[in-house]
Amino acid sequence: MYSNKIKNYELSGYSISSGVGIGKAHIYRNVLQDMQDIYCIDANEVEKEYQRIKEAFDNVRGRLQKNQKEVERKLNSDFAAILSSHTKILSDSSLHQEIYETIKRSCVNAELVVLAVFRRLEARIRHAEDCRLAQRADDIADLARQVLRTLTGQASHRLADLPDNTIVVASELFPSDTVFFSRKAVSGVIVERGGPASHAAILTRELGIPAVSNIDNAVQKITQGENLIVDGTQGSVLIDPDEEMQRKFQKKQEDMSVRFAIAKQYSHEKAATLDGTEVEVTANISCREDAELAVKHGADGIGLYRTEQLYFGREDIPGEDELLETLQETLAPINTNIPVTLRLLDIGGDKLLPFLNHTNISEPLMGQRGVRFLLNFPDLLITQLRSFLRLSLSRSVRILVPMVTLESDMQAVRKFYEEAANDLSCHQPPLGSMIETPAAALCAETISKYSDFLSVGTNDLTQYTMAASRDDAEVADYFIHEHPSIFYLLRCVAKAADKKPIGVCGQLAGEANAVKRLLAMGFQELSVNPFQVPYIKQAVQDIYM
């Protein structure tokens, strides 16, 4: 906490989502960071505390076994084996022995014993000489979280059901955290870590929530319930603002609302330059609320439906029928004639599924991401393809393959795609490639042969080109999405497309000052978050090519 309760105490960080948020702090720590239930026990209470741990183990093991059966039914034995390994850890007699001896020796409560024993086990495994064993350390940390949640009676996620005008303060946030955000409740976000193109940044921008990152020790400097102002445009935070400062930022909020209203006046009209070049300005969505906003703000279609959100916050994997039903429900606000681009599940990097183990991936950003992950688990890919194809019977869709690097990626997916379409006796909607690496951009001509359209994901393209993690605010100065090298690669893609539809999604598509350059290269679609649609349409309408 900062000293002396100074009014208007300012913390400087990095802007990851523009706008102004005013509200009260909610400090978010995961259960391993927030162990407050610590007390001593008498020697005659050792058995009682040990029994609490055994019951928690049984509870977690039961959930894992249930999930294992669901995975075996819906996917394959490889995924099920991952969950089986978790249950075996909880049944290990040496682990139980260490826990019992720790309780007897220390005479402290069950929660503290679980935390101490699992941390020791995690450290031993993490420093093992066998790198494959070392990669299992995160398994131990994850199991510790599950056992501690059970012991502390946490039935729901700590970010669910927040009060209105909440500003979330956290060390870091992942997509599986932000899935619980409510636009109505969360008015701002402050994180200690996270770059301008991190997925948490992307999701806060799409939610229209102001956010600032790179605030050192934010969870220590800010206290629960404290009045805050988040200036997502300038990248700063004000703690305990006085009345004058609150009025100043309320006026800033009002001015931004007026600018948005002006841009929105013509957002339902087709976007065309002053000399008549038409452009599709589409929206990136993750849920039904996004779809409603896309319609409300005049999007010409859905340029990117991130289907990962259908999997986050779940304890099991949706089957084909359930997936189709959820897709239909999410897209219900959108006219069936309006095109929707469905991206296949893009897992890897900081996008991990809570019910699957990813610790066997030593380098998630450079390893099994996107299409690589899907091809390694074809049952998961086929389930999605079949759901998407069935959806195409009732609405206009395109299917986008994430993280394509080689032409063989598209060849393999297209084979599964054609087999699924033949089995369902249905037509084949356009199947496109997402270009997100320098290799894919430079060799887009060969990838294009097996693609009906191309979409450039500029966030990952910038990350891999500039060797600057999209999640790391410390190298934000190197994450330059308007760097000459990025535009060179974009020109390569545009040239390789050879009259096939090409679009851009990612942060660059939402930069008004980049619009003219993208249109001059030949890009016909710009996909942005729903709140940016009016601004980008306005930018297009002001351009003379």
Protein backbone atom coordinates (compact mmCIF):
# COMPACT_ATOMS: atom_id res chain seq x y z
CA MET A 1 0.00 0.00 0.00
CA TYR A 2 1.25 3.51 -0.71
CA SER A 3 2.09 5.65 2.28
CA ASN A 4 0.22 8.49 4.03
CA LYS A 5 -2.94 8.06 1.94
CA ILE A 6 -1.97 10.76 -0.54
CA LYS A 7 -4.87 12.04 -2.65
CA ASN A 8 -4.49 11.59 -6.43
CA TYR A 9 -1.56 9.21 -5.99
CA GLU A 10 -0.54 8.28 -9.55
CA LEU A 11 0.90 5.02 -10.84
CA SER A 12 2.31 4.96 -14.36
CA GLY A 13 2.05 1.90 -16.58
CA TYR A 14 1.31 0.90 -20.16
CA SER A 15 -1.99 1.34 -21.98
CA ILE A 16 -3.51 -1.91 -23.25
CA SER A 17 -7.13 -0.76 -23.67
CA SER A 18 -8.16 2.87 -24.07
CA GLY A 19 -10.87 4.71 -22.20
CA VAL A 20 -11.53 5.88 -18.65
CA GLY A 21 -12.77 3.67 -15.83
CA ILE A 22 -13.90 4.92 -12.43
CA GLY A 23 -14.73 2.56 -9.57
CA LYS A 24 -13.59 0.58 -6.56
CA ALA A 25 -10.69 -1.87 -6.47
CA HIS A 26 -11.20 -5.62 -6.39
CA ILE A 27 -7.88 -7.35 -5.69
CA TYR A 28 -7.76 -10.65 -7.56
CA ARG A 29 -5.30 -13.30 -6.43
CA ASN A 30 -5.44 -16.94 -7.29
CA VAL A 31 -5.82 -19.33 -4.41
CA LEU A 32 -2.06 -20.00 -4.22
CA GLN A 33 -1.36 -16.28 -3.75
CA ASP A 34 -4.12 -15.62 -1.24
CA MET A 35 -3.68 -18.11 1.57
CA GLN A 36 -5.11 -16.22 4.54
CA ASP A 37 -6.60 -19.18 6.47
CA ILE A 38 -3.62 -20.04 8.71
CA TYR A 39 -3.89 -21.33 12.28
CA CYS A 40 -2.30 -23.79 14.69
CA ILE A 41 -3.94 -27.03 15.81
CA ASP A 42 -3.55 -29.25 18.86
CA ALA A 43 -1.90 -32.65 18.62
CA ASN A 44 -5.28 -34.34 19.10
CA GLU A 45 -6.61 -32.53 15.99
CA VAL A 46 -4.03 -33.96 13.58
CA GLU A 47 -6.27 -36.83 12.46
CA LYS A 48 -9.17 -34.43 11.87
CA GLU A 49 -7.06 -32.14 9.65
CA TYR A 50 -5.61 -35.10 7.77
CA GLN A 51 -9.14 -36.38 7.16
CA ARG A 52 -10.08 -32.97 5.68
CA ILE A 53 -7.22 -33.30 3.20
CA LYS A 54 -8.17 -36.89 2.31
CA GLU A 55 -11.75 -35.78 1.66
CA ALA A 56 -10.53 -32.90 -0.53
CA PHE A 57 -8.31 -35.32 -2.46
CA ASP A 58 -11.31 -37.65 -2.96
CA ASN A 59 -13.44 -34.74 -4.17
CA VAL A 60 -10.84 -33.56 -6.70
CA ARG A 61 -10.10 -37.13 -7.79
CA GLY A 62 -13.81 -37.73 -8.42
CA ARG A 63 -14.06 -34.64 -10.62
CA LEU A 64 -10.95 -35.67 -12.54
CA GLN A 65 -12.29 -39.20 -13.11
CA LYS A 66 -15.60 -37.79 -14.33
CA ASN A 67 -13.77 -35.50 -16.74
CA GLN A 68 -11.58 -38.39 -17.85
CA LYS A 69 -14.63 -40.42 -18.87
CA GLU A 70 -16.06 -37.44 -20.77
CA VAL A 71 -12.76 -36.94 -22.58
CA GLU A 72 -12.54 -40.61 -23.53
CA ARG A 73 -16.07 -40.47 -24.90
CA LYS A 74 -15.68 -37.21 -26.81
CA LEU A 75 -12.02 -37.26 -27.85
CA ASN A 76 -9.39 -39.92 -27.42
CA SER A 77 -7.35 -41.85 -24.87
CA ASP A 78 -4.36 -39.46 -25.12
CA PHE A 79 -6.29 -36.66 -23.44
CA ALA A 80 -7.79 -39.10 -20.94
CA ALA A 81 -4.30 -40.34 -20.01
CA ILE A 82 -3.36 -36.80 -19.03
CA LEU A 83 -6.21 -36.61 -16.52
CA SER A 84 -5.47 -40.15 -15.35
CA SER A 85 -1.95 -39.05 -14.41
CA HIS A 86 -3.46 -36.35 -12.17
CA THR A 87 -5.59 -38.88 -10.30
CA LYS A 88 -2.53 -41.09 -9.80
CA ILE A 89 -0.64 -38.21 -8.19
CA LEU A 90 -3.47 -37.75 -5.70
CA SER A 91 -3.38 -41.47 -4.91
CA ASP A 92 0.37 -41.63 -4.38
CA SER A 93 1.10 -43.15 -0.94
CA SER A 94 4.36 -41.21 -0.50
CA LEU A 95 2.49 -37.92 -0.99
CA HIS A 96 -0.06 -38.92 1.64
CA GLN A 97 2.74 -39.94 4.00
CA GLU A 98 4.53 -36.60 3.57
CA ILE A 99 1.32 -34.70 4.21
CA TYR A 100 0.57 -36.69 7.38
CA GLU A 101 4.09 -36.26 8.74
CA THR A 102 3.98 -32.51 8.00
CA ILE A 103 0.74 -32.11 9.95
CA LYS A 104 2.14 -34.03 12.93
CA ARG A 105 5.39 -32.07 12.89
CA SER A 106 4.05 -28.55 12.32
CA CYS A 107 0.58 -28.75 13.92
CA VAL A 108 -0.97 -26.25 11.47
CA ASN A 109 -4.20 -26.33 9.47
CA ALA A 110 -4.83 -28.46 6.38
CA GLU A 111 -4.67 -25.57 3.89
CA LEU A 112 -1.19 -24.51 4.96
CA VAL A 113 0.05 -28.11 4.93
CA VAL A 114 -1.24 -28.70 1.38
CA LEU A 115 0.39 -25.47 0.21
CA ALA A 116 3.75 -26.34 1.84
CA VAL A 117 3.90 -29.97 0.70
CA PHE A 118 2.83 -29.27 -2.88
CA ARG A 119 5.30 -26.39 -3.17
CA ARG A 120 8.13 -28.68 -2.01
CA LEU A 121 7.02 -31.34 -4.48
CA GLU A 122 6.74 -28.79 -7.28
CA ALA A 123 10.25 -27.47 -6.55
CA ARG A 124 11.76 -30.97 -6.55
CA ILE A 125 10.14 -31.81 -9.87
CA ARG A 126 10.88 -28.44 -11.48
CA HIS A 127 14.60 -28.83 -10.77
CA ALA A 128 14.80 -32.44 -11.92
CA GLU A 129 17.54 -33.26 -14.43
CA ASP A 130 15.03 -35.08 -16.63
CA CYS A 131 13.41 -32.18 -18.57
CA ARG A 132 10.31 -34.27 -19.27
CA LEU A 133 9.80 -34.74 -15.54
CA ALA A 134 10.51 -31.05 -14.87
CA GLN A 135 7.68 -30.10 -17.23
CA ARG A 136 5.23 -31.85 -14.86
CA ALA A 137 5.82 -29.25 -12.13
CA ASP A 138 2.85 -27.20 -13.31
CA ASP A 139 0.69 -30.30 -12.84
CA ILE A 140 1.52 -30.16 -9.14
CA ALA A 141 0.72 -26.45 -8.89
CA ASP A 142 -2.59 -26.99 -10.68
CA LEU A 143 -3.53 -29.88 -8.38
CA ALA A 144 -2.62 -27.74 -5.36
CA ARG A 145 -5.05 -25.05 -6.59
CA GLN A 146 -7.82 -27.60 -7.03
CA VAL A 147 -7.30 -29.12 -3.56
CA LEU A 148 -7.09 -25.70 -1.91
CA ARG A 149 -10.27 -24.50 -3.65
CA THR A 150 -12.03 -27.57 -2.29
CA LEU A 151 -10.66 -27.07 1.22
CA THR A 152 -11.62 -23.38 1.27
CA GLY A 153 -15.07 -24.03 -0.21
CA GLN A 154 -14.62 -21.91 -3.34
CA ALA A 155 -17.58 -22.97 -5.46
CA SER A 156 -17.18 -20.32 -8.17
CA HIS A 157 -14.50 -18.25 -9.85
CA ARG A 158 -13.48 -15.18 -7.87
CA LEU A 159 -14.22 -12.88 -10.81
CA ALA A 160 -17.80 -14.08 -11.20
CA ASP A 161 -20.66 -11.89 -9.92
CA LEU A 162 -18.65 -8.75 -9.21
CA PRO A 163 -20.54 -5.60 -8.13
CA ASP A 164 -21.02 -2.70 -10.55
CA ASN A 165 -18.17 -0.21 -11.06
CA THR A 166 -15.48 -2.72 -10.11
CA ILE A 167 -11.86 -2.20 -11.12
CA VAL A 168 -10.05 -5.52 -11.18
CA VAL A 169 -6.45 -5.42 -9.92
CA ALA A 170 -4.33 -8.51 -10.59
CA SER A 171 -0.79 -9.73 -11.13
CA GLU A 172 -1.87 -11.10 -14.51
CA LEU A 173 -5.02 -12.29 -16.22
CA PHE A 174 -5.62 -15.11 -18.66
CA PRO A 175 -8.52 -15.67 -21.06
CA SER A 176 -9.94 -18.23 -18.62
CA ASP A 177 -10.14 -15.34 -16.09
CA THR A 178 -11.56 -12.65 -18.36
CA VAL A 179 -14.31 -15.00 -19.56
CA PHE A 180 -16.01 -14.22 -16.23
CA PHE A 181 -15.95 -10.44 -16.79
CA SER A 182 -19.18 -8.54 -17.14
CA ARG A 183 -19.20 -5.28 -19.13
CA LYS A 184 -21.77 -3.89 -16.72
CA ALA A 185 -19.76 -4.74 -13.61
CA VAL A 186 -16.10 -4.25 -14.57
CA SER A 187 -15.25 -0.61 -15.30
CA GLY A 188 -11.46 -1.00 -15.46
CA VAL A 189 -8.55 -3.43 -15.24
CA ILE A 190 -5.06 -3.03 -13.77
CA VAL A 191 -2.45 -5.77 -14.22
CA GLU A 192 1.18 -6.05 -13.22
CA ARG A 193 2.07 -8.01 -16.36
CA GLY A 194 0.71 -8.21 -19.89
CA GLY A 195 1.71 -6.64 -23.19
CA PRO A 196 -0.42 -4.55 -25.56
CA ALA A 197 -1.35 -7.57 -27.69
CA SER A 198 -1.74 -10.12 -24.91
CA HIS A 199 -5.00 -11.99 -25.03
CA ALA A 200 -6.12 -10.31 -21.82
CA ALA A 201 -5.51 -6.95 -23.55
CA ILE A 202 -7.42 -8.07 -26.63
CA LEU A 203 -10.38 -9.24 -24.59
CA THR A 204 -10.55 -6.07 -22.48
CA ARG A 205 -10.49 -3.98 -25.66
CA GLU A 206 -13.27 -6.06 -27.14
CA LEU A 207 -15.27 -5.66 -23.94
CA GLY A 208 -14.67 -1.91 -24.11
CA ILE A 209 -13.03 -1.99 -20.67
CA PRO A 210 -10.17 0.48 -20.03
CA ALA A 211 -7.02 -1.35 -18.94
CA VAL A 212 -3.46 -0.55 -17.87
CA SER A 213 -0.56 -2.98 -17.47
CA ASN A 214 3.00 -2.89 -16.19
CA ILE A 215 2.01 -1.48 -12.79
CA ASP A 216 4.65 -2.96 -10.48
CA ASN A 217 3.29 -4.59 -7.32
CA ALA A 218 -0.21 -3.32 -8.03
CA VAL A 219 -1.83 -5.89 -5.76
CA GLN A 220 0.33 -4.63 -2.86
CA LYS A 221 0.06 -0.90 -3.61
CA ILE A 222 -3.72 -0.92 -3.99
CA THR A 223 -6.12 -2.09 -1.27
CA GLN A 224 -9.51 -3.76 -1.59
CA GLY A 225 -12.35 -1.26 -2.04
CA GLU A 226 -10.11 1.73 -2.73
CA ASN A 227 -11.42 4.41 -5.11
CA LEU A 228 -9.55 4.32 -8.43
CA ILE A 229 -9.46 5.95 -11.85
CA VAL A 230 -7.99 3.95 -14.72
CA ASP A 231 -6.86 6.08 -17.64
CA GLY A 232 -6.48 3.44 -20.34
CA THR A 233 -5.61 6.07 -22.93
CA GLN A 234 -2.59 7.46 -21.06
CA GLY A 235 -1.66 4.23 -19.27
CA SER A 236 -1.99 5.58 -15.73
CA VAL A 237 -3.91 4.89 -12.52
CA LEU A 238 -5.07 7.36 -9.88
CA ILE A 239 -5.54 6.11 -6.32
CA ASP A 240 -8.03 7.90 -4.06
CA PRO A 241 -8.84 10.76 -6.49
CA ASP A 242 -10.30 13.93 -4.97
CA GLU A 243 -13.61 15.41 -6.16
CA GLU A 244 -11.97 17.78 -8.64
CA MET A 245 -10.04 14.94 -10.27
CA GLN A 246 -13.16 12.77 -10.41
CA ARG A 247 -15.05 15.57 -12.18
CA LYS A 248 -12.19 15.99 -14.65
CA PHE A 249 -12.23 12.33 -15.64
CA GLN A 250 -16.01 12.14 -15.71
CA LYS A 251 -15.86 14.99 -18.25
CA LYS A 252 -13.26 13.01 -20.19
CA GLN A 253 -15.63 10.01 -20.22
CA GLU A 254 -18.44 12.23 -21.52
CA ASP A 255 -16.24 13.67 -24.30
CA MET A 256 -15.29 10.17 -25.43
CA SER A 257 -18.97 9.20 -25.48
CA VAL A 258 -19.74 12.18 -27.71
CA ARG A 259 -16.97 11.24 -30.17
CA PHE A 260 -18.27 7.69 -30.30
CA ALA A 261 -21.83 8.89 -30.92
CA ILE A 262 -20.64 11.03 -33.86
CA ALA A 263 -18.76 8.10 -35.40
CA LYS A 264 -21.76 5.82 -34.90
CA GLN A 265 -24.11 8.08 -36.89
CA TYR A 266 -23.03 6.49 -40.17
CA SER A 267 -21.75 3.13 -38.91
CA HIS A 268 -24.69 1.19 -40.36
CA GLU A 269 -23.86 2.43 -43.84
CA LYS A 270 -21.43 0.63 -46.12
CA ALA A 271 -17.84 1.76 -45.59
CA ALA A 272 -16.47 3.35 -48.78
CA THR A 273 -13.65 5.79 -49.44
CA LEU A 274 -14.35 9.22 -50.91
CA ASP A 275 -13.49 7.85 -54.36
CA GLY A 276 -15.75 4.81 -54.01
CA THR A 277 -13.51 1.95 -52.82
CA GLU A 278 -15.70 -0.28 -50.67
CA VAL A 279 -14.33 -2.06 -47.60
CA GLU A 280 -15.84 -4.67 -45.31
CA VAL A 281 -15.49 -3.56 -41.69
CA THR A 282 -16.28 -6.63 -39.65
CA ALA A 283 -16.16 -7.50 -35.96
CA ASN A 284 -14.16 -9.88 -33.78
CA ILE A 285 -16.41 -11.68 -31.31
CA SER A 286 -16.18 -14.30 -28.57
CA CYS A 287 -19.72 -14.52 -27.15
CA ARG A 288 -23.36 -13.58 -27.74
CA GLU A 289 -22.93 -10.19 -26.10
CA ASP A 290 -20.17 -9.42 -28.62
CA ALA A 291 -22.49 -10.51 -31.43
CA GLU A 292 -25.19 -8.14 -30.18
CA LEU A 293 -22.67 -5.29 -30.04
CA ALA A 294 -21.43 -6.08 -33.54
CA VAL A 295 -24.97 -5.66 -34.86
CA LYS A 296 -25.59 -2.58 -32.73
CA HIS A 297 -22.44 -0.83 -33.96
CA GLY A 298 -22.94 -1.59 -37.65
CA ALA A 299 -20.44 -4.37 -38.40
CA ASP A 300 -20.72 -5.69 -41.97
CA GLY A 301 -20.13 -9.22 -40.72
CA ILE A 302 -18.11 -11.27 -38.26
CA GLY A 303 -14.49 -11.34 -39.39
CA LEU A 304 -13.29 -13.50 -36.50
CA TYR A 305 -15.31 -15.63 -34.11
CA ARG A 306 -12.88 -16.80 -31.42
CA THR A 307 -14.32 -20.17 -30.49
CA GLU A 308 -11.94 -20.59 -27.54
CA GLN A 309 -14.51 -18.91 -25.32
CA LEU A 310 -16.81 -21.91 -25.88
CA TYR A 311 -14.25 -23.99 -23.98
CA PHE A 312 -13.03 -21.67 -21.23
CA GLY A 313 -14.77 -21.87 -17.88
CA ARG A 314 -15.80 -25.49 -18.48
CA GLU A 315 -14.80 -28.68 -16.71
CA ASP A 316 -15.34 -30.86 -19.76
CA ILE A 317 -15.18 -30.78 -23.57
CA PRO A 318 -18.33 -29.94 -25.56
CA GLY A 319 -19.53 -32.58 -28.01
CA GLU A 320 -20.67 -31.94 -31.57
CA ASP A 321 -24.37 -31.34 -30.78
CA GLU A 322 -23.63 -29.13 -27.78
CA LEU A 323 -21.10 -27.12 -29.76
CA LEU A 324 -23.58 -26.57 -32.58
CA GLU A 325 -26.29 -25.50 -30.14
CA THR A 326 -23.94 -23.01 -28.46
CA LEU A 327 -22.84 -21.58 -31.82
CA GLN A 328 -26.46 -21.09 -32.86
CA GLU A 329 -27.29 -19.39 -29.58
CA THR A 330 -24.24 -17.09 -29.74
CA LEU A 331 -24.92 -16.04 -33.34
CA ALA A 332 -28.69 -15.68 -32.97
CA PRO A 333 -28.58 -11.82 -32.97
CA ILE A 334 -26.91 -11.85 -36.42
CA ASN A 335 -28.89 -12.16 -39.65
CA THR A 336 -28.25 -15.56 -41.24
CA ASN A 337 -27.25 -13.88 -44.52
CA ILE A 338 -24.45 -11.90 -42.85
CA PRO A 339 -21.12 -13.76 -43.24
CA VAL A 340 -19.51 -15.20 -40.12
CA THR A 341 -15.89 -16.38 -40.05
CA LEU A 342 -15.49 -19.20 -37.54
CA ARG A 343 -11.93 -19.78 -36.37
CA LEU A 344 -11.05 -23.30 -35.36
CA LEU A 345 -9.87 -23.68 -31.77
CA ASP A 346 -6.63 -21.74 -31.30
CA ILE A 347 -4.99 -23.21 -28.20
CA GLY A 348 -1.44 -22.57 -27.02
CA GLY A 349 0.63 -19.66 -25.76
CA ASP A 350 -1.40 -18.07 -22.96
CA LYS A 351 -4.66 -19.67 -24.13
CA LEU A 352 -4.91 -22.89 -22.16
CA LEU A 353 -7.94 -25.02 -21.40
CA PRO A 354 -8.65 -25.57 -17.69
CA PHE A 355 -9.55 -29.25 -18.13
CA LEU A 356 -6.49 -30.24 -20.19
CA ASN A 357 -2.85 -30.49 -19.23
CA HIS A 358 -0.43 -28.41 -21.29
CA THR A 359 2.75 -28.84 -19.29
CA ASN A 360 4.21 -31.24 -21.84
CA ILE A 361 4.58 -28.22 -24.11
CA SER A 362 8.04 -26.87 -23.28
CA GLU A 363 7.70 -23.76 -25.46
CA PRO A 364 3.99 -22.97 -25.90
CA LEU A 365 4.48 -19.90 -28.09
CA MET A 366 6.76 -21.77 -30.49
CA GLY A 367 5.31 -25.26 -30.05
CA GLN A 368 1.92 -26.87 -30.53
CA ARG A 369 -0.30 -23.90 -31.25
CA GLY A 370 -3.36 -23.57 -33.44
CA VAL A 371 -3.44 -26.02 -36.34
CA ARG A 372 -0.48 -27.97 -34.95
CA PHE A 373 -2.43 -28.71 -31.79
CA LEU A 374 -5.55 -29.66 -33.75
CA LEU A 375 -3.72 -32.00 -36.11
CA ASN A 376 -2.16 -33.71 -33.11
CA PHE A 377 -5.67 -34.37 -31.76
CA PRO A 378 -7.78 -34.98 -34.88
CA ASP A 379 -10.91 -36.01 -32.95
CA LEU A 380 -11.09 -32.48 -31.54
CA LEU A 381 -10.62 -31.01 -35.03
CA ILE A 382 -13.27 -33.27 -36.59
CA THR A 383 -15.82 -32.40 -33.89
CA GLN A 384 -15.39 -28.71 -34.66
CA LEU A 385 -15.46 -29.15 -38.43
CA ARG A 386 -18.67 -31.18 -38.26
CA SER A 387 -20.33 -28.59 -36.00
CA PHE A 388 -19.28 -25.75 -38.31
CA LEU A 389 -20.49 -27.61 -41.40
CA ARG A 390 -23.85 -28.30 -39.80
CA LEU A 391 -24.11 -24.62 -38.86
CA SER A 392 -23.45 -23.69 -42.51
CA LEU A 393 -26.74 -25.35 -43.46
CA SER A 394 -28.64 -22.51 -41.79
CA ARG A 395 -26.35 -19.45 -42.14
CA SER A 396 -23.49 -17.97 -44.18
CA VAL A 397 -20.15 -19.06 -42.71
CA ARG A 398 -16.45 -19.29 -43.52
CA ILE A 399 -13.97 -21.46 -41.61
CA LEU A 400 -10.55 -20.13 -40.63
CA VAL A 401 -7.57 -22.34 -39.74
CA PRO A 402 -5.29 -20.73 -37.10
CA MET A 403 -1.51 -20.51 -37.10
CA VAL A 404 -0.93 -21.98 -40.56
CA THR A 405 2.79 -22.11 -41.33
CA LEU A 406 3.17 -24.75 -44.04
CA GLU A 407 1.07 -25.65 -47.04
CA SER A 408 0.92 -29.19 -45.57
CA ASP A 409 -1.04 -27.73 -42.63
CA MET A 410 -3.82 -26.70 -44.98
CA GLN A 411 -3.61 -29.90 -47.01
CA ALA A 412 -4.11 -31.97 -43.87
CA VAL A 413 -7.01 -29.87 -42.57
CA ARG A 414 -8.68 -29.80 -45.98
CA LYS A 415 -8.58 -33.60 -46.11
CA PHE A 416 -10.43 -33.84 -42.78
CA TYR A 417 -12.77 -31.08 -43.95
CA GLU A 418 -13.71 -32.81 -47.19
CA GLU A 419 -14.26 -36.13 -45.40
CA ALA A 420 -16.54 -34.47 -42.83
CA ALA A 421 -18.51 -32.66 -45.55
CA ASN A 422 -18.94 -35.87 -47.54
CA ASP A 423 -20.06 -37.75 -44.46
CA LEU A 424 -22.66 -35.05 -43.70
CA SER A 425 -23.62 -34.71 -47.39
CA CYS A 426 -23.33 -30.92 -47.22
CA HIS A 427 -21.62 -28.21 -49.22
CA GLN A 428 -18.20 -26.89 -48.26
CA PRO A 429 -18.10 -23.23 -47.14
CA PRO A 430 -14.86 -21.31 -47.82
CA LEU A 431 -11.88 -22.64 -45.85
CA GLY A 432 -9.17 -20.05 -45.19
CA SER A 433 -5.71 -19.72 -43.67
CA MET A 434 -4.74 -17.39 -40.87
CA ILE A 435 -1.31 -15.95 -41.67
CA GLU A 436 0.49 -15.24 -38.39
CA THR A 437 4.18 -16.00 -38.93
CA PRO A 438 6.86 -14.52 -41.20
CA ALA A 439 7.28 -17.93 -42.85
CA ALA A 440 3.60 -18.08 -43.73
CA ALA A 441 3.61 -14.51 -45.06
CA LEU A 442 6.71 -15.05 -47.18
CA CYS A 443 5.33 -18.32 -48.56
CA ALA A 444 1.69 -17.23 -48.75
CA GLU A 445 1.58 -18.11 -52.44
CA THR A 446 1.94 -21.85 -51.71
CA ILE A 447 -0.48 -21.72 -48.76
CA SER A 448 -2.98 -19.83 -50.92
CA LYS A 449 -3.23 -22.81 -53.30
CA TYR A 450 -5.12 -24.73 -50.62
CA SER A 451 -7.03 -21.75 -49.21
CA ASP A 452 -10.22 -20.06 -50.33
CA PHE A 453 -9.27 -16.85 -48.51
CA LEU A 454 -6.47 -15.42 -46.35
CA SER A 455 -6.67 -13.51 -43.09
CA VAL A 456 -3.60 -11.92 -41.52
CA GLY A 457 -3.42 -11.99 -37.72
CA THR A 458 -1.16 -9.02 -37.11
CA ASN A 459 -0.71 -9.51 -33.35
CA ASP A 460 1.13 -12.81 -33.67
CA LEU A 461 2.77 -11.71 -36.92
CA THR A 462 4.27 -8.74 -35.08
CA GLN A 463 5.31 -10.89 -32.13
CA TYR A 464 7.19 -13.39 -34.25
CA THR A 465 8.68 -10.82 -36.61
CA MET A 466 9.89 -8.42 -33.93
CA ALA A 467 10.90 -11.16 -31.44
CA ALA A 468 8.86 -9.35 -28.80
CA SER A 469 6.28 -11.25 -26.77
CA ARG A 470 2.78 -9.84 -27.09
CA ASP A 471 2.33 -10.53 -23.36
CA ASP A 472 5.44 -8.77 -22.07
CA ALA A 473 5.09 -5.06 -21.35
CA GLU A 474 8.85 -4.92 -20.74
CA VAL A 475 9.47 -5.28 -24.49
CA ALA A 476 6.48 -3.23 -25.59
CA ASP A 477 8.82 -0.75 -27.29
CA TYR A 478 9.76 -3.54 -29.71
CA PHE A 479 6.18 -4.64 -30.35
CA ILE A 480 5.67 -2.23 -33.26
CA HIS A 481 2.77 -3.37 -35.40
CA GLU A 482 3.42 -0.54 -37.89
CA HIS A 483 7.10 -1.41 -38.34
CA PRO A 484 8.27 -1.45 -42.00
CA SER A 485 8.93 -5.20 -41.76
CA ILE A 486 5.26 -5.84 -40.92
CA PHE A 487 4.05 -3.86 -43.92
CA TYR A 488 6.57 -5.67 -46.12
CA LEU A 489 5.11 -9.01 -45.03
CA LEU A 490 1.58 -7.71 -45.55
CA ARG A 491 2.49 -6.73 -49.12
CA CYS A 492 3.80 -10.28 -49.66
CA VAL A 493 0.46 -11.72 -48.55
CA ALA A 494 -1.56 -9.28 -50.64
CA LYS A 495 0.48 -10.10 -53.73
CA ALA A 496 0.21 -13.86 -53.15
CA ALA A 497 -3.56 -13.82 -52.69
CA ASP A 498 -4.10 -13.58 -56.47
CA LYS A 499 -7.67 -12.21 -56.40
CA LYS A 500 -8.72 -14.35 -53.44
CA PRO A 501 -10.39 -12.46 -50.57
CA ILE A 502 -7.85 -11.08 -48.09
CA GLY A 503 -8.38 -9.39 -44.75
CA VAL A 504 -6.59 -8.17 -41.66
CA CYS A 505 -7.53 -8.77 -38.06
CA GLY A 506 -5.62 -7.81 -34.95
CA GLN A 507 -4.55 -4.53 -33.44
CA LEU A 508 -3.31 -3.06 -36.72
CA ALA A 509 -6.76 -3.33 -38.34
CA GLY A 510 -8.10 -1.05 -35.62
CA GLU A 511 -5.51 1.69 -36.15
CA ALA A 512 -7.17 4.50 -38.11
CA ASN A 513 -3.83 5.83 -39.37
CA ALA A 514 -2.98 2.43 -40.92
CA VAL A 515 -6.25 2.02 -42.83
CA LYS A 516 -5.18 3.82 -46.02
CA ARG A 517 -1.98 1.78 -46.34
CA LEU A 518 -3.85 -1.49 -45.89
CA LEU A 519 -6.46 -0.56 -48.50
CA ALA A 520 -3.74 0.54 -50.94
CA MET A 521 -2.19 -2.95 -50.70
CA GLY A 522 -5.49 -4.52 -51.68
CA PHE A 523 -6.91 -5.73 -48.38
CA GLN A 524 -10.70 -5.82 -48.64
CA GLU A 525 -11.68 -6.55 -45.02
CA LEU A 526 -10.71 -5.06 -41.67
CA SER A 527 -11.86 -7.01 -38.63
CA VAL A 528 -11.85 -5.14 -35.32
CA ASN A 529 -13.56 -5.30 -31.95
CA PRO A 530 -17.22 -4.19 -32.00
CA PHE A 531 -16.52 -0.86 -30.29
CA GLN A 532 -14.00 0.08 -33.00
CA VAL A 533 -16.35 -0.56 -35.93
CA PRO A 534 -17.80 3.01 -36.01
CA TYR A 535 -14.33 4.60 -35.74
CA ILE A 536 -12.81 2.46 -38.53
CA LYS A 537 -15.80 3.04 -40.81
CA GLN A 538 -15.41 6.75 -40.17
CA ALA A 539 -11.69 6.50 -41.03
CA VAL A 540 -12.49 4.70 -44.30
CA GLN A 541 -15.13 7.27 -45.24
CA ASP A 542 -12.59 10.10 -44.79
CA ILE A 543 -9.96 8.55 -47.13
CA TYR A 544 -9.35 9.45 -50.75
CA MET A 545 -7.34 6.70 -52.47
